[in-house]
Each structure stands twice: as structure tokens, then as C-alpha cells.
Protein backbone atom coordinates (compact mmCIF):
# COMPACT_ATOMS: atom_id res chain seq x y z
CA MET A 1 118.60 58.28 45.49
CA ALA A 2 116.12 56.01 47.32
CA GLU A 3 117.38 54.12 50.32
CA HIS A 4 117.92 50.44 49.52
CA HIS A 5 116.69 47.77 51.89
CA HIS A 6 119.19 44.92 52.03
CA PRO A 7 117.84 41.58 53.22
CA THR A 8 119.55 39.12 55.45
CA ASN A 9 119.47 35.57 54.15
CA HIS A 10 117.95 33.54 56.95
CA HIS A 11 118.26 30.22 55.17
CA ARG A 12 119.79 27.46 57.27
CA GLY A 13 121.98 25.00 55.43
CA SER A 14 120.03 21.97 56.72
CA GLU A 15 116.83 23.12 55.04
CA PRO A 16 116.03 22.26 51.42
CA VAL A 17 116.20 25.06 48.88
CA HIS A 18 113.09 25.32 46.73
CA ARG A 19 112.96 26.66 43.22
CA VAL A 20 110.04 29.07 42.98
CA ALA A 21 108.64 30.67 39.84
CA VAL A 22 106.84 33.97 40.46
CA LEU A 23 104.59 35.12 37.63
CA SER A 24 104.85 38.01 37.32
CA ALA A 25 107.03 40.92 38.39
CA GLY A 26 104.48 43.48 39.61
CA SER A 27 104.52 45.09 43.06
CA TRP A 28 103.16 42.18 45.09
CA GLY A 29 104.84 39.47 43.03
CA THR A 30 108.22 41.16 43.50
CA ALA A 31 107.60 41.86 47.18
CA PHE A 32 106.67 38.25 47.81
CA ALA A 33 109.78 37.18 45.91
CA THR A 34 111.81 39.06 48.54
CA VAL A 35 110.07 37.05 51.27
CA LEU A 36 110.79 33.78 49.48
CA ALA A 37 114.42 34.80 48.93
CA ASP A 38 114.84 35.77 52.57
CA ALA A 39 113.52 32.31 53.47
CA GLY A 40 116.35 30.75 51.47
CA ASN A 41 114.73 29.84 48.16
CA GLU A 42 115.83 30.35 44.55
CA ILE A 43 113.38 32.63 42.76
CA VAL A 44 112.79 33.17 39.05
CA LEU A 45 110.54 36.15 38.34
CA HIS A 46 108.64 36.23 35.08
CA ALA A 47 108.61 39.78 33.70
CA ARG A 48 106.59 40.75 30.65
CA ARG A 49 109.00 43.45 29.57
CA ALA A 50 112.68 42.86 28.83
CA GLU A 51 113.71 46.13 30.52
CA VAL A 52 112.16 44.97 33.81
CA ALA A 53 113.92 41.60 33.62
CA ASP A 54 117.21 43.32 32.77
CA ALA A 55 116.91 45.71 35.72
CA ILE A 56 116.29 42.80 38.10
CA ASN A 57 119.19 40.76 36.72
CA VAL A 58 121.72 43.59 36.38
CA ARG A 59 120.73 46.13 39.03
CA HIS A 60 118.94 43.79 41.47
CA GLU A 61 116.01 46.16 41.55
CA ASN A 62 112.53 46.46 40.03
CA PRO A 63 112.45 50.24 39.52
CA ASP A 64 109.01 50.32 37.91
CA TYR A 65 107.21 48.69 40.83
CA LEU A 66 109.46 48.66 43.90
CA PRO A 67 112.14 51.35 43.47
CA GLY A 68 114.79 51.36 46.17
CA VAL A 69 114.28 47.73 47.20
CA TRP A 70 117.38 45.62 46.68
CA LEU A 71 116.73 42.09 45.39
CA ALA A 72 119.00 39.27 46.51
CA ASP A 73 121.27 37.36 44.13
CA SER A 74 118.88 34.40 44.52
CA VAL A 75 116.22 36.41 42.64
CA THR A 76 116.61 36.36 38.86
CA ALA A 77 114.21 37.31 36.07
CA THR A 78 113.23 36.13 32.61
CA THR A 79 110.68 37.10 29.98
CA GLU A 80 110.11 33.43 29.14
CA ALA A 81 107.40 31.70 31.19
CA GLU A 82 108.82 28.30 30.25
CA ALA A 83 112.23 29.20 31.69
CA ALA A 84 110.62 30.47 34.90
CA LEU A 85 108.47 27.36 35.39
CA GLU A 86 111.06 24.74 34.46
CA GLY A 87 111.78 22.57 37.51
CA ALA A 88 109.75 24.80 39.82
CA ASP A 89 108.56 23.32 43.11
CA TYR A 90 106.10 26.20 43.41
CA ALA A 91 104.48 28.42 40.79
CA VAL A 92 103.38 31.62 42.53
CA ILE A 93 100.93 33.61 40.43
CA SER A 94 100.40 37.34 40.98
CA ILE A 95 98.67 38.97 38.01
CA PRO A 96 95.43 40.97 37.62
CA ALA A 97 92.54 38.66 38.49
CA GLN A 98 90.67 39.17 35.24
CA SER A 99 93.70 38.17 33.16
CA LEU A 100 94.28 34.89 35.02
CA ARG A 101 92.33 32.59 32.70
CA ALA A 102 94.00 33.82 29.49
CA ASN A 103 97.49 33.64 30.99
CA LEU A 104 97.00 30.28 32.67
CA THR A 105 95.77 28.79 29.42
CA GLN A 106 99.23 29.55 27.99
CA TRP A 107 101.14 28.52 31.12
CA ALA A 108 99.26 25.32 32.02
CA PRO A 109 101.31 23.01 29.73
CA LEU A 110 104.50 24.38 31.32
CA ILE A 111 103.51 23.55 34.91
CA GLY A 112 105.22 20.39 36.17
CA PRO A 113 103.25 17.38 37.45
CA GLN A 114 104.42 17.95 41.04
CA THR A 115 104.46 21.76 41.04
CA VAL A 116 102.27 23.39 43.69
CA VAL A 117 100.38 26.39 42.30
CA VAL A 118 100.06 29.39 44.61
CA SER A 119 97.64 32.30 44.21
CA LEU A 120 98.49 35.78 45.47
CA MET A 121 95.45 37.23 43.69
CA LYS A 122 92.38 38.80 45.25
CA GLY A 123 89.40 38.89 42.93
CA ILE A 124 86.37 37.09 41.52
CA GLU A 125 86.31 36.32 37.80
CA VAL A 126 83.86 38.36 35.75
CA GLY A 127 81.21 36.22 34.07
CA SER A 128 81.89 32.92 35.84
CA GLY A 129 81.86 34.19 39.43
CA LEU A 130 84.76 31.85 40.16
CA ARG A 131 87.38 32.44 42.82
CA MET A 132 91.00 32.42 41.66
CA SER A 133 91.74 28.91 42.96
CA GLU A 134 88.67 27.64 41.10
CA VAL A 135 89.93 29.20 37.86
CA MET A 136 93.32 27.57 38.47
CA THR A 137 91.81 24.12 38.94
CA GLU A 138 89.51 24.50 35.94
CA VAL A 139 92.18 25.72 33.53
CA THR A 140 95.19 23.66 34.63
CA GLY A 141 93.61 20.48 35.97
CA VAL A 142 95.89 20.76 39.01
CA PRO A 143 94.13 18.96 41.90
CA SER A 144 92.95 21.01 44.87
CA GLU A 145 95.59 19.49 47.17
CA ARG A 146 98.26 21.21 45.04
CA ILE A 147 96.60 24.65 45.18
CA VAL A 148 97.59 27.25 47.79
CA VAL A 149 96.14 30.69 48.48
CA VAL A 150 98.09 33.45 50.24
CA SER A 151 95.91 36.21 51.67
CA GLY A 152 96.23 38.78 54.44
CA PRO A 153 97.12 42.37 55.31
CA ASN A 154 100.16 42.56 53.04
CA LEU A 155 100.87 45.99 51.55
CA ALA A 156 103.63 45.28 49.05
CA LYS A 157 105.97 48.17 49.90
CA GLU A 158 105.98 47.34 53.61
CA VAL A 159 106.59 43.64 53.02
CA ALA A 160 109.43 44.41 50.60
CA ALA A 161 110.97 46.75 53.20
CA ARG A 162 110.93 43.86 55.72
CA GLN A 163 108.43 45.58 57.99
CA PRO A 164 106.48 43.11 60.17
CA ALA A 165 103.58 41.38 58.43
CA ALA A 166 101.52 38.20 58.70
CA SER A 167 99.44 36.28 56.22
CA VAL A 168 97.31 33.17 55.82
CA ILE A 169 98.52 30.20 53.79
CA ALA A 170 95.40 28.28 52.82
CA SER A 171 95.06 24.91 51.13
CA ARG A 172 92.49 22.14 51.32
CA ASP A 173 95.45 19.89 52.14
CA GLU A 174 97.00 20.69 55.53
CA ASP A 175 100.39 19.24 54.59
CA THR A 176 100.57 21.40 51.44
CA ALA A 177 99.73 24.51 53.49
CA ALA A 178 102.34 23.62 56.12
CA ALA A 179 105.01 22.97 53.50
CA PHE A 180 104.49 26.34 51.87
CA GLN A 181 104.31 28.00 55.28
CA ALA A 182 107.86 26.77 55.92
CA THR A 183 108.90 27.96 52.45
CA CYS A 184 107.93 31.60 53.11
CA MET A 185 108.55 32.07 56.83
CA THR A 186 111.04 34.79 57.79
CA PRO A 187 111.61 36.88 60.93
CA SER A 188 109.53 39.70 59.43
CA PHE A 189 106.87 37.64 57.60
CA ARG A 190 104.73 35.33 59.71
CA PRO A 191 102.44 32.92 57.82
CA TYR A 192 99.55 31.05 59.49
CA THR A 193 97.96 27.98 57.90
CA ASN A 194 94.26 27.43 57.22
CA THR A 195 92.21 24.92 55.21
CA ASP A 196 89.39 27.39 54.49
CA ILE A 197 90.28 28.51 50.96
CA VAL A 198 86.75 29.86 50.38
CA GLY A 199 86.92 32.22 53.37
CA CYS A 200 90.46 33.40 52.56
CA GLU A 201 89.63 34.17 48.94
CA LEU A 202 86.31 35.88 49.69
CA GLY A 203 87.92 38.02 52.39
CA GLY A 204 90.62 39.14 49.97
CA ALA A 205 88.19 39.88 47.14
CA VAL A 206 85.38 41.64 49.02
CA LYS A 207 87.71 43.87 51.05
CA ASN A 208 88.76 45.56 47.80
CA VAL A 209 85.14 46.57 47.18
CA ILE A 210 84.70 47.83 50.75
CA ALA A 211 87.96 49.79 50.42
CA LEU A 212 86.52 51.47 47.32
CA SER A 213 83.49 52.59 49.36
CA ILE A 214 85.74 53.93 52.11
CA GLY A 215 87.81 55.74 49.51
CA LEU A 216 84.61 57.34 48.21
CA ALA A 217 83.68 58.44 51.72
CA SER A 218 87.19 59.78 52.35
CA GLY A 219 87.25 61.65 49.05
CA MET A 220 83.98 63.31 50.03
CA GLU A 221 85.39 64.07 53.50
CA LEU A 222 82.62 62.25 55.33
CA GLY A 223 84.88 61.59 58.32
CA ASP A 224 86.44 58.72 60.23
CA ASN A 225 83.17 57.66 61.87
CA ALA A 226 81.69 57.01 58.43
CA SER A 227 84.77 55.01 57.45
CA ALA A 228 84.49 52.88 60.62
CA LEU A 229 80.80 52.32 59.88
CA LEU A 230 81.52 51.17 56.32
CA MET A 231 84.36 48.92 57.43
CA THR A 232 82.19 47.24 60.07
CA ARG A 233 79.14 46.84 57.87
CA GLY A 234 81.41 45.78 55.02
CA LEU A 235 82.80 42.97 57.15
CA ALA A 236 79.23 41.96 58.03
CA GLU A 237 78.26 41.57 54.39
CA THR A 238 81.48 39.69 53.67
CA ILE A 239 80.62 37.22 56.44
CA ARG A 240 77.06 36.85 55.10
CA LEU A 241 78.38 35.92 51.65
CA GLY A 242 81.06 33.69 53.15
CA GLN A 243 78.57 31.70 55.19
CA ALA A 244 76.35 31.24 52.13
CA LEU A 245 79.35 29.80 50.24
CA GLY A 246 80.52 27.55 53.07
CA ALA A 247 83.30 29.68 54.55
CA ASP A 248 84.13 29.64 58.26
CA PRO A 249 83.14 33.00 59.85
CA GLN A 250 86.27 32.74 62.03
CA THR A 251 88.41 32.98 58.88
CA LEU A 252 86.73 36.28 58.04
CA ALA A 253 87.31 37.55 61.58
CA GLY A 254 91.01 36.75 61.15
CA LEU A 255 93.96 37.97 59.09
CA ALA A 256 92.50 37.11 55.68
CA GLY A 257 89.23 38.87 56.56
CA LEU A 258 89.28 41.64 59.12
CA GLY A 259 93.07 42.00 58.98
CA ASP A 260 93.22 42.53 55.24
CA LEU A 261 90.14 44.75 55.35
CA ALA A 262 91.71 47.01 58.00
CA ALA A 263 94.99 47.39 56.10
CA THR A 264 93.37 48.03 52.72
CA CYS A 265 90.74 50.43 54.04
CA SER A 266 93.15 52.42 56.21
CA SER A 267 96.26 52.79 54.09
CA PRO A 268 96.96 55.42 51.43
CA GLN A 269 99.08 52.67 49.79
CA SER A 270 95.89 50.78 48.92
CA ARG A 271 95.04 51.01 45.22
CA ASN A 272 91.35 50.37 45.84
CA ARG A 273 90.98 52.97 48.56
CA THR A 274 92.95 55.45 46.43
CA PHE A 275 90.75 54.71 43.41
CA GLY A 276 87.64 55.40 45.50
CA GLU A 277 89.15 58.65 46.79
CA HIS A 278 89.70 59.84 43.23
CA LEU A 279 86.04 59.15 42.44
CA GLY A 280 84.95 60.83 45.67
CA ARG A 281 86.86 63.98 44.71
CA GLY A 282 85.05 64.17 41.38
CA LEU A 283 87.29 62.33 38.92
CA SER A 284 85.63 60.21 36.24
CA LEU A 285 86.15 56.45 36.11
CA GLU A 286 88.69 56.91 33.30
CA GLN A 287 90.53 59.66 35.17
CA ALA A 288 90.62 57.60 38.36
CA THR A 289 91.98 54.61 36.43
CA ALA A 290 94.75 56.75 34.93
CA ALA A 291 95.57 58.37 38.28
CA THR A 292 95.75 55.03 40.16
CA ARG A 293 98.09 53.59 37.48
CA GLN A 294 97.97 50.03 38.77
CA THR A 295 95.01 47.64 38.78
CA ALA A 296 92.34 48.29 41.41
CA GLU A 297 90.88 44.78 41.60
CA GLY A 298 87.69 45.90 43.35
CA VAL A 299 86.45 47.81 40.30
CA LYS A 300 85.82 44.73 38.15
CA SER A 301 85.36 42.19 40.92
CA SER A 302 82.55 44.23 42.50
CA GLU A 303 80.09 43.17 39.78
CA SER A 304 81.10 39.51 40.06
CA ILE A 305 80.73 39.62 43.84
CA LEU A 306 77.30 41.23 43.61
CA GLU A 307 76.18 38.61 41.07
CA LEU A 308 77.48 35.88 43.39
CA ALA A 309 75.54 37.42 46.29
CA ARG A 310 72.31 37.64 44.32
CA ARG A 311 72.69 34.04 43.16
CA HIS A 312 72.80 32.98 46.82
CA GLY A 313 70.19 35.44 48.12
CA VAL A 314 72.70 37.47 50.15
CA ASP A 315 72.16 41.18 50.87
CA MET A 316 75.30 43.26 50.15
CA PRO A 317 74.21 46.93 50.17
CA ILE A 318 77.71 48.47 50.18
CA THR A 319 78.79 46.32 47.25
CA GLU A 320 75.60 47.32 45.42
CA VAL A 321 76.40 51.02 45.80
CA VAL A 322 79.98 50.53 44.59
CA VAL A 323 78.70 48.69 41.51
CA GLU A 324 76.23 51.47 40.74
CA VAL A 325 79.00 54.09 40.98
CA VAL A 326 81.41 52.08 38.85
CA ARG A 327 78.72 51.57 36.22
CA GLY A 328 78.03 55.31 36.22
CA ARG A 329 74.40 54.78 37.20
CA ILE A 330 74.50 57.02 40.27
CA SER A 331 76.51 60.08 41.18
CA VAL A 332 79.02 60.18 44.02
CA ALA A 333 76.61 62.35 46.03
CA GLU A 334 73.84 59.78 45.56
CA ALA A 335 76.27 57.07 46.61
CA ALA A 336 77.01 58.91 49.86
CA THR A 337 73.31 59.17 50.62
CA GLN A 338 72.71 55.48 49.91
CA LEU A 339 75.72 54.35 51.92
CA MET A 340 74.56 56.26 54.97
CA SER A 341 70.77 55.88 54.83
CA ARG A 342 69.81 52.25 55.30
CA THR A 343 66.70 51.54 57.32
CA PRO A 344 67.64 51.27 61.02
CA LYS A 345 67.41 47.75 62.40
CA SER A 346 68.86 45.56 65.13
CA GLU A 347 72.65 45.43 64.89
CA ARG A 348 72.44 41.64 65.06
CA SER A 349 70.68 41.68 61.72
CA LEU A 350 73.78 43.24 60.14
CA ALA A 351 75.84 40.15 60.87
């Protein structure tokens, strides 16, 4: 039987307890619920399937996504979004990026007038090219000062096991960011505030695409030097896009940029890197999807990111190669050649 990680409740009686809805009960949503519970909040997880909700309520575990991680009594689950959102101070949303609009359309009437909406998602919407916070504002009408983005090097299993991690809490409103920072601060989870939502969201979205390219290189056994090259050049093209969209380059050199990129590109726990590895070893797109089992956000977001780059005249060669592979337009061998054979130029021109 898997070892259970039991949290210590670090809530101090003088601090207010917040009611937090987490939609929904996947790996990262459940892991972040453990952080919020450790910080002394009451959490209601929204689970799509009754068996997942039952397991959380009866066994205090989410065996499908985080087996062996014990969930505190302050974490309960329901299959009813209305029950989860009722009276919530915060609505934390952690679902596949491309399903956000459809789900939010159903949930929007249930979100209270003072509820702060928090995005844990890392993707760019197909078709619109919108970041997740932009979709939230458009669909719900929630003003930007009540929108928060959480982004950083946060592998779900490690966070749920209370291993040390840090993240960025971004909101256009400094007070909103600071309030949520206090809501999710624990001895093992260190949140930093930022007002650069654009940089935080772009860092989180583009790193998934770069991780796919590094997975490809790893699957083809191109070596660690090639991976370091792709990571560095991948960060350069992320910064180029960020600057074109008004992001602060320092954000992309920080936890939500370089930090998240390093974790996602280096860890076998990363879905996007793993997906790329499957392709690099010769699996088809369908086979890689089946083998990865959970959503690899970079697969669909890559096309949206490339479209966004072209719209703003930004060169993103690694993203272009990933899109060509995902579309089935070039082989993995051709991808390797293209990734490694750009015309030599001054390194400064990469930035």
C-alpha cells in the first residue's frame, strides 16, 4: 500500500478561514487543495465523477489522480458545481485549458459577486488566442481586479507530498494578489506576488511547448546538451513573445518563466515532456495521447501560441517545429534536423 502523507494544519486561530471552491479534482486541483487546506482553509472540490467525490469524502484520498496522498478533513468533494461555489471566497479553476470556456459558461451564474476567481491553468485558447484570465473575464464578466493567476514550477505530486515549492500569485490588483498569497502560504509552499499576469500566463503556456520539444529530443536520445540548448532558446522565444504582448522580461526570468520551464523540461513527471518522448520514440500522436493518459496542454496550445506570435511578428522557431510535428506535417527525424540547424547568428539576436 502507498505511503500516505499526512499534513499538519498550520492554521492559526486568529486568521480568518476562507471557503475555497476548487474546480475540479484532477492532479493539480487536488494538490493545490492540499496547500489551501494546510493553510487553514475549508475546501470543496468539484469532481465530475461520483466515485471520485465518494473516495475523497469517505477515504480522504483521490486514488485516480493522487494515490497515497491523505486529504485533510477540511477537504470535501461534491459533483454539484453549485454546491462547491456557494459562499466561496475563492473559486480556483484547474481544468484542461481548451474546456475552460464551455465549463465557465455553465459556472458563471453560480459565481458570487465578491468571489475571486483563480486560474491554475496553463494554456492559450484555440481560435481566440486568449490567455486563461482573458477567457475568464470575457465569459464571467468578473473584473480584472478579482482575477488571480497561479503559475510556477509546481509538479503536482511533489506539492501534494509537501515537498518544498514556490509559485507566483499574479493579479492586476496588488491587494488581491497579497490576499490570496496569505490564503495559500504554508511552510512548504512559498507564494510570491506579481502584477504581471501577461508574463505569468505566457511563461506557463509556452513552457509546455518547449517541454514537448525537449521530450522529442530526449526520445531520440539527442543528449543533455541538446536539451539545454532547446531550453535556453525556448526561453528566448518566450521572452520575445512576452515583450510583444507587454510582459515584463523579469517575470519570464523568474519562477513563472524560467522556473516553470526548468521543472517541466527536466522532470519525468511532466506530461508535456513525456508526451514528446513518446513521439520521439516513434509513437503516433494517438498512441502518445493514450500513453500519457492526462492532458498535455502544449499539444493544443502550441498552434494558438504560434498564431499569436505570427500576429505580432514574433519569430518562434521551436514552437513552429512542435506545431509541424503535432500536425503530422514533418517526421520526428525532420523535426530533429530543424531544431538543431538554424542559421548561426549572434547570441544576442536570440534574446
